Amino acid sequence: MSQFFSFRRKRWLLPLLCLLLALPLAACGQKEEEPTQEITKEQAVQPDEIKTPTPAEPFQAYLDLSNLPPEDLASATQTLDQKTEAGGITCQLLQAIGDARTLHVAFTLTYPADQAGAIDPTSLTALLVLGEVKDPTTVQAPAGISTVLQAAQTDETTISCTATFTCQEPQLEKGTVLSLVVEAPAGSGLFHTLTWTAENQGTFREAPLLDKSGKQVGDVVLSPFAMNLTFQEPSDLTPLLTAITLKDKEGKAIEAWQSARADSQQHILVFFSLPPAVEQVASVQAGDFSATF
């Protein structure tokens, strides 16, 4: 059974992220109360001060990319401008940002003025398929790719969405043909299919995961957008979800707001809503386990 834990600071964009991130897991486990940390008035950032670096504006509501060096952001971002129409609703694919294991895809749904408010943002479905899609009605969720869909009404006729797709293995590499299949609303039979070839490739680092004695018990793969911790032996990983820290070379904790979940008894997936600069991360601490890059 999947377990989920969310860690965040109080910024205007994070409550929405954490709430929506938890929704797909509600059927698998009970939601835990989310602890928060207070920040001082001097540390607080007002909404009009939050600016996402170009070229990633579509993700501003869900990701704070201000920690990423411009070159890392550019290499991880692919601008896409595709549109499809079904049932009078237009789906526009905007951008994809991520790496071979984690991909955030931004898109909008726009419907006619006479249908204003007709679609509930929580009633959408989105799938990422490897390869082209000939018949979207037969598409099923690919094995090994998990999906988190975040959607919000931005005006009377527009819903802005970010779909996050994560893989335990690097399946989203450069040159891979990808298809986004959106059904709006779910169960309507109105599908939007948009296909592109991945060109973005964000940086990532790998390191062995060791126990206190120095024995390797698994592996860690870290990118600016997510971190995968894979253990060699099945165990209860729930206690580790609240005990994951990134550290710099001086051993100081690096601020990287995160949400973590155990996909199984051997795998933990950590999302970053404030992506860290990967080259600044020297080590990862997960309870009694650690990895050094």
C-alpha atoms as a PDB file:
ATOM      1  CA  MET A   1       0.000   0.000   0.000  1.00  0.00           C
ATOM      2  CA  SER A   2       1.377   3.388  -0.972  1.00  0.00           C
ATOM      3  CA  GLN A   3       2.231   5.807   1.773  1.00  0.00           C
ATOM      4  CA  PHE A   4       2.581   9.530   1.319  1.00  0.00           C
ATOM      5  CA  PHE A   5       4.166  12.390   3.214  1.00  0.00           C
ATOM      6  CA  SER A   6       4.437  16.030   2.259  1.00  0.00           C
ATOM      7  CA  PHE A   7       6.917  18.611   3.581  1.00  0.00           C
ATOM      8  CA  ARG A   8       6.527  22.259   2.707  1.00  0.00           C
ATOM      9  CA  ARG A   9       7.069  25.844   3.740  1.00  0.00           C
ATOM     10  CA  LYS A  10       4.197  28.307   3.680  1.00  0.00           C
ATOM     11  CA  ARG A  11       4.396  29.971   0.275  1.00  0.00           C
ATOM     12  CA  TRP A  12       1.373  30.847  -1.786  1.00  0.00           C
ATOM     13  CA  LEU A  13       1.930  28.170  -4.434  1.00  0.00           C
ATOM     14  CA  LEU A  14       2.826  25.185  -2.282  1.00  0.00           C
ATOM     15  CA  PRO A  15      -0.518  24.320  -0.597  1.00  0.00           C
ATOM     16  CA  LEU A  16      -2.103  23.778  -3.994  1.00  0.00           C
ATOM     17  CA  LEU A  17       0.775  21.557  -5.109  1.00  0.00           C
ATOM     18  CA  CYS A  18       0.716  19.391  -2.006  1.00  0.00           C
ATOM     19  CA  LEU A  19      -3.080  19.038  -2.018  1.00  0.00           C
ATOM     20  CA  LEU A  20      -3.253  17.994  -5.636  1.00  0.00           C
ATOM     21  CA  LEU A  21      -0.220  15.738  -5.355  1.00  0.00           C
ATOM     22  CA  ALA A  22      -1.960  13.790  -2.608  1.00  0.00           C
ATOM     23  CA  LEU A  23      -5.233  13.235  -4.507  1.00  0.00           C
ATOM     24  CA  PRO A  24      -4.114  10.303  -6.716  1.00  0.00           C
ATOM     25  CA  LEU A  25      -2.937   8.444  -3.620  1.00  0.00           C
ATOM     26  CA  ALA A  26      -6.112   8.882  -1.581  1.00  0.00           C
ATOM     27  CA  ALA A  27      -7.477   5.566  -2.723  1.00  0.00           C
ATOM     28  CA  CYS A  28      -4.340   3.731  -1.611  1.00  0.00           C
ATOM     29  CA  GLY A  29      -3.598   5.166   1.807  1.00  0.00           C
ATOM     30  CA  GLN A  30      -4.825   7.583   4.381  1.00  0.00           C
ATOM     31  CA  LYS A  31      -3.664  11.154   4.231  1.00  0.00           C
ATOM     32  CA  GLU A  32      -1.483  12.247   7.082  1.00  0.00           C
ATOM     33  CA  GLU A  33      -1.562  15.689   8.628  1.00  0.00           C
ATOM     34  CA  GLU A  34       1.150  17.806   7.042  1.00  0.00           C
ATOM     35  CA  PRO A  35       3.622  19.486   9.365  1.00  0.00           C
ATOM     36  CA  THR A  36       4.689  23.009   8.497  1.00  0.00           C
ATOM     37  CA  GLN A  37       7.606  25.223   9.375  1.00  0.00           C
ATOM     38  CA  GLU A  38       7.159  28.891  10.091  1.00  0.00           C
ATOM     39  CA  ILE A  39       9.188  31.455   8.164  1.00  0.00           C
ATOM     40  CA  THR A  40       9.968  34.949   9.301  1.00  0.00           C
ATOM     41  CA  LYS A  41       8.461  38.040   7.743  1.00  0.00           C
ATOM     42  CA  GLU A  42      11.848  38.868   6.249  1.00  0.00           C
ATOM     43  CA  GLN A  43      12.029  35.448   4.592  1.00  0.00           C
ATOM     44  CA  ALA A  44       8.498  35.553   3.223  1.00  0.00           C
ATOM     45  CA  VAL A  45       8.073  36.097  -0.505  1.00  0.00           C
ATOM     46  CA  GLN A  46       5.002  37.948  -1.693  1.00  0.00           C
ATOM     47  CA  PRO A  47       3.135  36.578  -4.737  1.00  0.00           C
ATOM     48  CA  ASP A  48       4.098  39.534  -6.945  1.00  0.00           C
ATOM     49  CA  GLU A  49       7.774  38.849  -6.166  1.00  0.00           C
ATOM     50  CA  ILE A  50       7.685  35.257  -7.378  1.00  0.00           C
ATOM     51  CA  LYS A  51       8.944  35.091 -10.939  1.00  0.00           C
ATOM     52  CA  THR A  52       9.828  31.903 -12.750  1.00  0.00           C
ATOM     53  CA  PRO A  53      12.845  32.223 -15.055  1.00  0.00           C
ATOM     54  CA  THR A  54      12.248  31.959 -18.759  1.00  0.00           C
ATOM     55  CA  PRO A  55      11.579  29.695 -20.521  1.00  0.00           C
ATOM     56  CA  ALA A  56       9.422  28.055 -17.837  1.00  0.00           C
ATOM     57  CA  GLU A  57       6.524  30.451 -17.183  1.00  0.00           C
ATOM     58  CA  PRO A  58       3.799  27.786 -17.627  1.00  0.00           C
ATOM     59  CA  PHE A  59       5.030  26.027 -14.490  1.00  0.00           C
ATOM     60  CA  GLN A  60       5.028  29.098 -12.251  1.00  0.00           C
ATOM     61  CA  ALA A  61       1.971  28.022 -10.246  1.00  0.00           C
ATOM     62  CA  TYR A  62       3.502  24.683  -9.237  1.00  0.00           C
ATOM     63  CA  LEU A  63       7.300  24.960  -9.391  1.00  0.00           C
ATOM     64  CA  ASP A  64       9.732  27.536  -8.016  1.00  0.00           C
ATOM     65  CA  LEU A  65      12.687  27.188 -10.388  1.00  0.00           C
ATOM     66  CA  SER A  66      14.656  30.113  -8.988  1.00  0.00           C
ATOM     67  CA  ASN A  67      17.411  27.860  -7.582  1.00  0.00           C
ATOM     68  CA  LEU A  68      18.339  26.415 -10.961  1.00  0.00           C
ATOM     69  CA  PRO A  69      21.256  27.875 -12.926  1.00  0.00           C
ATOM     70  CA  PRO A  70      20.041  29.271 -16.287  1.00  0.00           C
ATOM     71  CA  GLU A  71      22.012  26.686 -18.263  1.00  0.00           C
ATOM     72  CA  ASP A  72      20.448  23.796 -16.298  1.00  0.00           C
ATOM     73  CA  LEU A  73      16.984  25.240 -16.783  1.00  0.00           C
ATOM     74  CA  ALA A  74      17.533  25.720 -20.514  1.00  0.00           C
ATOM     75  CA  SER A  75      18.810  22.172 -21.048  1.00  0.00           C
ATOM     76  CA  ALA A  76      15.849  20.715 -19.150  1.00  0.00           C
ATOM     77  CA  THR A  77      13.164  22.731 -20.967  1.00  0.00           C
ATOM     78  CA  GLN A  78      11.500  22.016 -24.299  1.00  0.00           C
ATOM     79  CA  THR A  79       9.047  24.544 -25.730  1.00  0.00           C
ATOM     80  CA  LEU A  80       6.059  22.910 -27.406  1.00  0.00           C
ATOM     81  CA  ASP A  81       3.270  24.696 -29.227  1.00  0.00           C
ATOM     82  CA  GLN A  82       0.659  22.204 -30.328  1.00  0.00           C
ATOM     83  CA  LYS A  83      -3.126  22.374 -30.321  1.00  0.00           C
ATOM     84  CA  THR A  84      -5.960  19.893 -30.741  1.00  0.00           C
ATOM     85  CA  GLU A  85      -9.723  20.362 -30.641  1.00  0.00           C
ATOM     86  CA  ALA A  86     -12.438  17.984 -29.487  1.00  0.00           C
ATOM     87  CA  GLY A  87     -16.038  18.811 -28.667  1.00  0.00           C
ATOM     88  CA  GLY A  88     -15.327  22.522 -28.972  1.00  0.00           C
ATOM     89  CA  ILE A  89     -12.582  22.314 -26.340  1.00  0.00           C
ATOM     90  CA  THR A  90      -9.037  23.277 -27.349  1.00  0.00           C
ATOM     91  CA  CYS A  91      -6.043  21.643 -25.697  1.00  0.00           C
ATOM     92  CA  GLN A  92      -2.740  23.490 -26.094  1.00  0.00           C
ATOM     93  CA  LEU A  93       0.529  21.813 -25.208  1.00  0.00           C
ATOM     94  CA  LEU A  94       2.983  24.453 -23.951  1.00  0.00           C
ATOM     95  CA  GLN A  95       6.216  23.097 -22.480  1.00  0.00           C
ATOM     96  CA  ALA A  96       7.938  20.063 -21.038  1.00  0.00           C
ATOM     97  CA  ILE A  97      10.626  20.306 -18.399  1.00  0.00           C
ATOM     98  CA  GLY A  98      12.547  17.501 -16.747  1.00  0.00           C
ATOM     99  CA  ASP A  99      14.879  14.614 -17.426  1.00  0.00           C
ATOM    100  CA  ALA A 100      14.874  10.949 -18.427  1.00  0.00           C
ATOM    101  CA  ARG A 101      12.964   9.892 -15.287  1.00  0.00           C
ATOM    102  CA  THR A 102      10.784  12.880 -14.398  1.00  0.00           C
ATOM    103  CA  LEU A 103       8.882  15.100 -16.792  1.00  0.00           C
ATOM    104  CA  HIS A 104       6.549  18.015 -16.022  1.00  0.00           C
ATOM    105  CA  VAL A 105       4.245  18.828 -18.951  1.00  0.00           C
ATOM    106  CA  ALA A 106       2.286  22.101 -19.071  1.00  0.00           C
ATOM    107  CA  PHE A 107      -0.917  22.418 -21.101  1.00  0.00           C
ATOM    108  CA  THR A 108      -4.173  24.375 -21.101  1.00  0.00           C
ATOM    109  CA  LEU A 109      -7.782  23.526 -21.890  1.00  0.00           C
ATOM    110  CA  THR A 110      -9.928  26.312 -23.335  1.00  0.00           C
ATOM    111  CA  TYR A 111     -13.638  25.974 -24.039  1.00  0.00           C
ATOM    112  CA  PRO A 112     -16.240  28.298 -25.606  1.00  0.00           C
ATOM    113  CA  ALA A 113     -17.739  31.140 -23.581  1.00  0.00           C
ATOM    114  CA  ASP A 114     -21.144  29.452 -23.582  1.00  0.00           C
ATOM    115  CA  GLN A 115     -19.550  26.515 -21.733  1.00  0.00           C
ATOM    116  CA  ALA A 116     -17.831  28.656 -19.089  1.00  0.00           C
ATOM    117  CA  GLY A 117     -17.267  26.628 -15.946  1.00  0.00           C
ATOM    118  CA  ALA A 118     -18.614  23.478 -17.560  1.00  0.00           C
ATOM    119  CA  ILE A 119     -15.535  21.377 -16.783  1.00  0.00           C
ATOM    120  CA  ASP A 120     -14.432  20.595 -13.257  1.00  0.00           C
ATOM    121  CA  PRO A 121     -10.599  20.861 -13.108  1.00  0.00           C
ATOM    122  CA  THR A 122     -10.537  17.726 -10.948  1.00  0.00           C
ATOM    123  CA  SER A 123     -12.394  15.688 -13.599  1.00  0.00           C
ATOM    124  CA  LEU A 124      -9.543  15.494 -16.108  1.00  0.00           C
ATOM    125  CA  THR A 125      -7.267  12.583 -16.915  1.00  0.00           C
ATOM    126  CA  ALA A 126      -3.813  12.711 -18.527  1.00  0.00           C
ATOM    127  CA  LEU A 127      -1.531   9.873 -19.577  1.00  0.00           C
ATOM    128  CA  LEU A 128       1.963   9.843 -21.052  1.00  0.00           C
ATOM    129  CA  VAL A 129       2.507   7.133 -23.635  1.00  0.00           C
ATOM    130  CA  LEU A 130       5.816   6.070 -25.170  1.00  0.00           C
ATOM    131  CA  GLY A 131       5.369   6.293 -28.941  1.00  0.00           C
ATOM    132  CA  GLU A 132       2.524   7.477 -31.147  1.00  0.00           C
ATOM    133  CA  VAL A 133      -1.135   6.836 -30.325  1.00  0.00           C
ATOM    134  CA  LYS A 134      -3.494   5.709 -33.067  1.00  0.00           C
ATOM    135  CA  ASP A 135      -6.614   5.141 -30.969  1.00  0.00           C
ATOM    136  CA  PRO A 136      -6.765   7.043 -27.637  1.00  0.00           C
ATOM    137  CA  THR A 137      -9.846   5.094 -26.546  1.00  0.00           C
ATOM    138  CA  THR A 138      -7.703   1.975 -26.107  1.00  0.00           C
ATOM    139  CA  VAL A 139      -4.805   3.648 -24.275  1.00  0.00           C
ATOM    140  CA  GLN A 140      -4.009   2.419 -20.768  1.00  0.00           C
ATOM    141  CA  ALA A 141      -1.628   3.776 -18.161  1.00  0.00           C
ATOM    142  CA  PRO A 142       1.859   2.481 -19.043  1.00  0.00           C
ATOM    143  CA  ALA A 143       3.487   0.215 -16.490  1.00  0.00           C
ATOM    144  CA  GLY A 144       6.287   1.881 -14.567  1.00  0.00           C
ATOM    145  CA  ILE A 145       5.140   5.464 -15.182  1.00  0.00           C
ATOM    146  CA  SER A 146       3.263   7.228 -12.389  1.00  0.00           C
ATOM    147  CA  THR A 147       1.177  10.341 -12.997  1.00  0.00           C
ATOM    148  CA  VAL A 148       0.251  13.353 -10.879  1.00  0.00           C
ATOM    149  CA  LEU A 149      -2.114  15.864 -12.516  1.00  0.00           C
ATOM    150  CA  GLN A 150      -2.489  19.396 -11.152  1.00  0.00           C
ATOM    151  CA  ALA A 151      -5.194  21.599 -12.663  1.00  0.00           C
ATOM    152  CA  ALA A 152      -6.724  24.956 -11.777  1.00  0.00           C
ATOM    153  CA  GLN A 153      -9.306  27.286 -13.317  1.00  0.00           C
ATOM    154  CA  THR A 154      -7.369  30.398 -14.383  1.00  0.00           C
ATOM    155  CA  ASP A 155     -10.288  32.272 -15.957  1.00  0.00           C
ATOM    156  CA  GLU A 156     -13.889  31.580 -16.958  1.00  0.00           C
ATOM    157  CA  THR A 157     -12.974  29.465 -19.982  1.00  0.00           C
ATOM    158  CA  THR A 158      -9.431  28.217 -19.287  1.00  0.00           C
ATOM    159  CA  ILE A 159      -7.957  25.460 -17.131  1.00  0.00           C
ATOM    160  CA  SER A 160      -4.171  25.453 -16.686  1.00  0.00           C
ATOM    161  CA  CYS A 161      -2.620  22.062 -16.036  1.00  0.00           C
ATOM    162  CA  THR A 162       0.711  20.535 -15.115  1.00  0.00           C
ATOM    163  CA  ALA A 163       1.070  16.773 -15.428  1.00  0.00           C
ATOM    164  CA  THR A 164       4.077  15.175 -13.745  1.00  0.00           C
ATOM    165  CA  PHE A 165       5.234  11.797 -15.004  1.00  0.00           C
ATOM    166  CA  THR A 166       7.870   9.792 -13.154  1.00  0.00           C
ATOM    167  CA  CYS A 167       9.677   6.549 -13.987  1.00  0.00           C
ATOM    168  CA  GLN A 168      11.873   4.312 -11.857  1.00  0.00           C
ATOM    169  CA  GLU A 169      13.957   3.656 -14.970  1.00  0.00           C
ATOM    170  CA  PRO A 170      15.164   6.300 -17.493  1.00  0.00           C
ATOM    171  CA  GLN A 171      12.427   5.864 -20.129  1.00  0.00           C
ATOM    172  CA  LEU A 172      12.057   9.515 -21.189  1.00  0.00           C
ATOM    173  CA  GLU A 173      15.443  10.005 -22.814  1.00  0.00           C
ATOM    174  CA  LYS A 174      16.327  12.341 -25.682  1.00  0.00           C
ATOM    175  CA  GLY A 175      14.922  11.139 -28.977  1.00  0.00           C
ATOM    176  CA  THR A 176      12.017   9.266 -27.390  1.00  0.00           C
ATOM    177  CA  VAL A 177       8.639   9.817 -29.049  1.00  0.00           C
ATOM    178  CA  LEU A 178       6.083  10.788 -26.407  1.00  0.00           C
ATOM    179  CA  SER A 179       2.312  11.238 -26.573  1.00  0.00           C
ATOM    180  CA  LEU A 180       0.146  13.107 -24.098  1.00  0.00           C
ATOM    181  CA  VAL A 181      -3.429  11.802 -24.009  1.00  0.00           C
ATOM    182  CA  VAL A 182      -5.935  14.045 -22.207  1.00  0.00           C
ATOM    183  CA  GLU A 183      -9.606  13.217 -21.646  1.00  0.00           C
ATOM    184  CA  ALA A 184     -11.703  16.223 -20.651  1.00  0.00           C
ATOM    185  CA  PRO A 185     -13.825  15.587 -18.749  1.00  0.00           C
ATOM    186  CA  ALA A 186     -13.001  12.038 -17.705  1.00  0.00           C
ATOM    187  CA  GLY A 187     -15.453   9.518 -19.106  1.00  0.00           C
ATOM    188  CA  SER A 188     -16.672  11.888 -21.842  1.00  0.00           C
ATOM    189  CA  GLY A 189     -14.892  10.147 -24.694  1.00  0.00           C
ATOM    190  CA  LEU A 190     -13.438  13.522 -25.752  1.00  0.00           C
ATOM    191  CA  PHE A 191      -9.718  12.908 -26.181  1.00  0.00           C
ATOM    192  CA  HIS A 192      -6.812  15.207 -27.046  1.00  0.00           C
ATOM    193  CA  THR A 193      -3.640  13.516 -28.287  1.00  0.00           C
ATOM    194  CA  LEU A 194      -0.425  15.496 -28.714  1.00  0.00           C
ATOM    195  CA  THR A 195       2.831  13.870 -29.828  1.00  0.00           C
ATOM    196  CA  TRP A 196       6.423  15.126 -29.779  1.00  0.00           C
ATOM    197  CA  THR A 197      10.008  13.899 -29.653  1.00  0.00           C
ATOM    198  CA  ALA A 198      11.846  14.572 -26.392  1.00  0.00           C
ATOM    199  CA  GLU A 199      14.724  16.999 -26.789  1.00  0.00           C
ATOM    200  CA  ASN A 200      15.167  18.180 -23.201  1.00  0.00           C
ATOM    201  CA  GLN A 201      17.566  16.324 -20.947  1.00  0.00           C
ATOM    202  CA  GLY A 202      18.090  17.699 -17.456  1.00  0.00           C
ATOM    203  CA  THR A 203      21.138  16.784 -15.408  1.00  0.00           C
ATOM    204  CA  PHE A 204      21.105  13.989 -12.845  1.00  0.00           C
ATOM    205  CA  ARG A 205      23.515  12.260 -10.479  1.00  0.00           C
ATOM    206  CA  GLU A 206      23.711   8.714  -9.127  1.00  0.00           C
ATOM    207  CA  ALA A 207      25.258   7.287  -5.957  1.00  0.00           C
ATOM    208  CA  PRO A 208      25.099   4.075  -3.897  1.00  0.00           C
ATOM    209  CA  LEU A 209      22.864   4.164  -0.816  1.00  0.00           C
ATOM    210  CA  LEU A 210      24.727   2.888   2.265  1.00  0.00           C
ATOM    211  CA  ASP A 211      23.703   1.842   5.767  1.00  0.00           C
ATOM    212  CA  LYS A 212      25.564   2.834   8.951  1.00  0.00           C
ATOM    213  CA  SER A 213      28.144   0.080   8.472  1.00  0.00           C
ATOM    214  CA  GLY A 214      28.965   1.242   4.960  1.00  0.00           C
ATOM    215  CA  LYS A 215      27.172  -1.645   3.258  1.00  0.00           C
ATOM    216  CA  GLN A 216      25.350  -0.801   0.062  1.00  0.00           C
ATOM    217  CA  VAL A 217      21.599  -1.307   0.458  1.00  0.00           C
ATOM    218  CA  GLY A 218      20.383   0.481  -2.668  1.00  0.00           C
ATOM    219  CA  ASP A 219      20.881   3.386  -5.050  1.00  0.00           C
ATOM    220  CA  VAL A 220      19.952   7.075  -5.304  1.00  0.00           C
ATOM    221  CA  VAL A 221      19.267   8.963  -8.522  1.00  0.00           C
ATOM    222  CA  LEU A 222      18.940  12.733  -8.067  1.00  0.00           C
ATOM    223  CA  SER A 223      17.789  15.345 -10.579  1.00  0.00           C
ATOM    224  CA  PRO A 224      16.535  18.888  -9.994  1.00  0.00           C
ATOM    225  CA  PHE A 225      12.953  17.654 -10.282  1.00  0.00           C
ATOM    226  CA  ALA A 226      12.846  14.386  -8.367  1.00  0.00           C
ATOM    227  CA  MET A 227      14.882  11.842  -6.462  1.00  0.00           C
ATOM    228  CA  ASN A 228      14.547   8.070  -6.654  1.00  0.00           C
ATOM    229  CA  LEU A 229      15.716   5.900  -3.763  1.00  0.00           C
ATOM    230  CA  THR A 230      15.704   2.199  -4.618  1.00  0.00           C
ATOM    231  CA  PHE A 231      16.405  -0.426  -1.945  1.00  0.00           C
ATOM    232  CA  GLN A 232      17.730  -3.903  -2.696  1.00  0.00           C
ATOM    233  CA  GLU A 233      15.559  -5.605  -0.076  1.00  0.00           C
ATOM    234  CA  PRO A 234      11.867  -4.992   0.702  1.00  0.00           C
ATOM    235  CA  SER A 235      11.212  -3.184   3.989  1.00  0.00           C
ATOM    236  CA  ASP A 236       8.873  -0.697   5.637  1.00  0.00           C
ATOM    237  CA  LEU A 237       9.972   2.617   4.151  1.00  0.00           C
ATOM    238  CA  THR A 238       7.285   4.743   5.805  1.00  0.00           C
ATOM    239  CA  PRO A 239       9.545   6.103   8.612  1.00  0.00           C
ATOM    240  CA  LEU A 240      12.012   7.395   5.997  1.00  0.00           C
ATOM    241  CA  LEU A 241       9.458   9.630   4.296  1.00  0.00           C
ATOM    242  CA  THR A 242       9.837  12.247   7.039  1.00  0.00           C
ATOM    243  CA  ALA A 243      13.615  11.886   7.322  1.00  0.00           C
ATOM    244  CA  ILE A 244      15.046  12.736   3.906  1.00  0.00           C
ATOM    245  CA  THR A 245      17.533  15.616   3.713  1.00  0.00           C
ATOM    246  CA  LEU A 246      19.812  17.002   1.023  1.00  0.00           C
ATOM    247  CA  LYS A 247      23.151  18.370   2.254  1.00  0.00           C
ATOM    248  CA  ASP A 248      25.906  20.502   0.736  1.00  0.00           C
ATOM    249  CA  LYS A 249      29.632  19.762   0.990  1.00  0.00           C
ATOM    250  CA  GLU A 250      29.760  21.429   4.413  1.00  0.00           C
ATOM    251  CA  GLY A 251      27.014  19.172   5.722  1.00  0.00           C
ATOM    252  CA  LYS A 252      24.370  21.899   5.810  1.00  0.00           C
ATOM    253  CA  ALA A 253      20.806  21.103   4.796  1.00  0.00           C
ATOM    254  CA  ILE A 254      19.774  22.408   1.374  1.00  0.00           C
ATOM    255  CA  GLU A 255      16.339  23.956   1.102  1.00  0.00           C
ATOM    256  CA  ALA A 256      14.309  21.937  -1.398  1.00  0.00           C
ATOM    257  CA  TRP A 257      10.602  21.727  -0.594  1.00  0.00           C
ATOM    258  CA  GLN A 258       9.545  18.213  -1.259  1.00  0.00           C
ATOM    259  CA  SER A 259       6.803  15.623  -1.216  1.00  0.00           C
ATOM    260  CA  ALA A 260       7.748  11.966  -0.798  1.00  0.00           C
ATOM    261  CA  ARG A 261       5.917   8.704  -1.229  1.00  0.00           C
ATOM    262  CA  ALA A 262       6.756   5.017  -1.114  1.00  0.00           C
ATOM    263  CA  ASP A 263       5.705   3.440  -4.399  1.00  0.00           C
ATOM    264  CA  SER A 264       6.489   0.002  -2.988  1.00  0.00           C
ATOM    265  CA  GLN A 265       8.499  -1.653  -0.227  1.00  0.00           C
ATOM    266  CA  GLN A 266      11.669  -1.044  -2.240  1.00  0.00           C
ATOM    267  CA  HIS A 267      11.218   2.384  -3.783  1.00  0.00           C
ATOM    268  CA  ILE A 268      10.775   5.971  -2.584  1.00  0.00           C
ATOM    269  CA  LEU A 269       9.990   8.803  -4.956  1.00  0.00           C
ATOM    270  CA  VAL A 270      10.651  12.399  -3.882  1.00  0.00           C
ATOM    271  CA  PHE A 271       9.197  15.356  -5.822  1.00  0.00           C
ATOM    272  CA  PHE A 272      10.744  18.830  -5.554  1.00  0.00           C
ATOM    273  CA  SER A 273       8.529  21.909  -5.815  1.00  0.00           C
ATOM    274  CA  LEU A 274      11.633  24.043  -5.166  1.00  0.00           C
ATOM    275  CA  PRO A 275      14.148  22.157  -7.351  1.00  0.00           C
ATOM    276  CA  PRO A 276      17.721  22.251  -6.023  1.00  0.00           C
ATOM    277  CA  ALA A 277      20.825  22.936  -8.076  1.00  0.00           C
ATOM    278  CA  VAL A 278      22.076  19.362  -8.392  1.00  0.00           C
ATOM    279  CA  GLU A 279      25.778  20.280  -8.398  1.00  0.00           C
ATOM    280  CA  GLN A 280      25.369  21.823  -4.932  1.00  0.00           C
ATOM    281  CA  VAL A 281      24.127  18.555  -3.424  1.00  0.00           C
ATOM    282  CA  ALA A 282      27.005  16.608  -1.862  1.00  0.00           C
ATOM    283  CA  SER A 283      25.013  13.966   0.017  1.00  0.00           C
ATOM    284  CA  VAL A 284      21.574  12.624   0.850  1.00  0.00           C
ATOM    285  CA  GLN A 285      20.501  11.462   4.299  1.00  0.00           C
ATOM    286  CA  ALA A 286      17.476   9.174   4.625  1.00  0.00           C
ATOM    287  CA  GLY A 287      17.136   8.119   8.243  1.00  0.00           C
ATOM    288  CA  ASP A 288      20.119   5.869   8.984  1.00  0.00           C
ATOM    289  CA  PHE A 289      20.970   5.572   5.297  1.00  0.00           C
ATOM    290  CA  SER A 290      23.151   7.947   3.270  1.00  0.00           C
ATOM    291  CA  ALA A 291      24.525   8.523  -0.204  1.00  0.00           C
ATOM    292  CA  THR A 292      27.491  10.698  -1.181  1.00  0.00           C
ATOM    293  CA  PHE A 293      27.970  12.137  -4.660  1.00  0.00           C
END
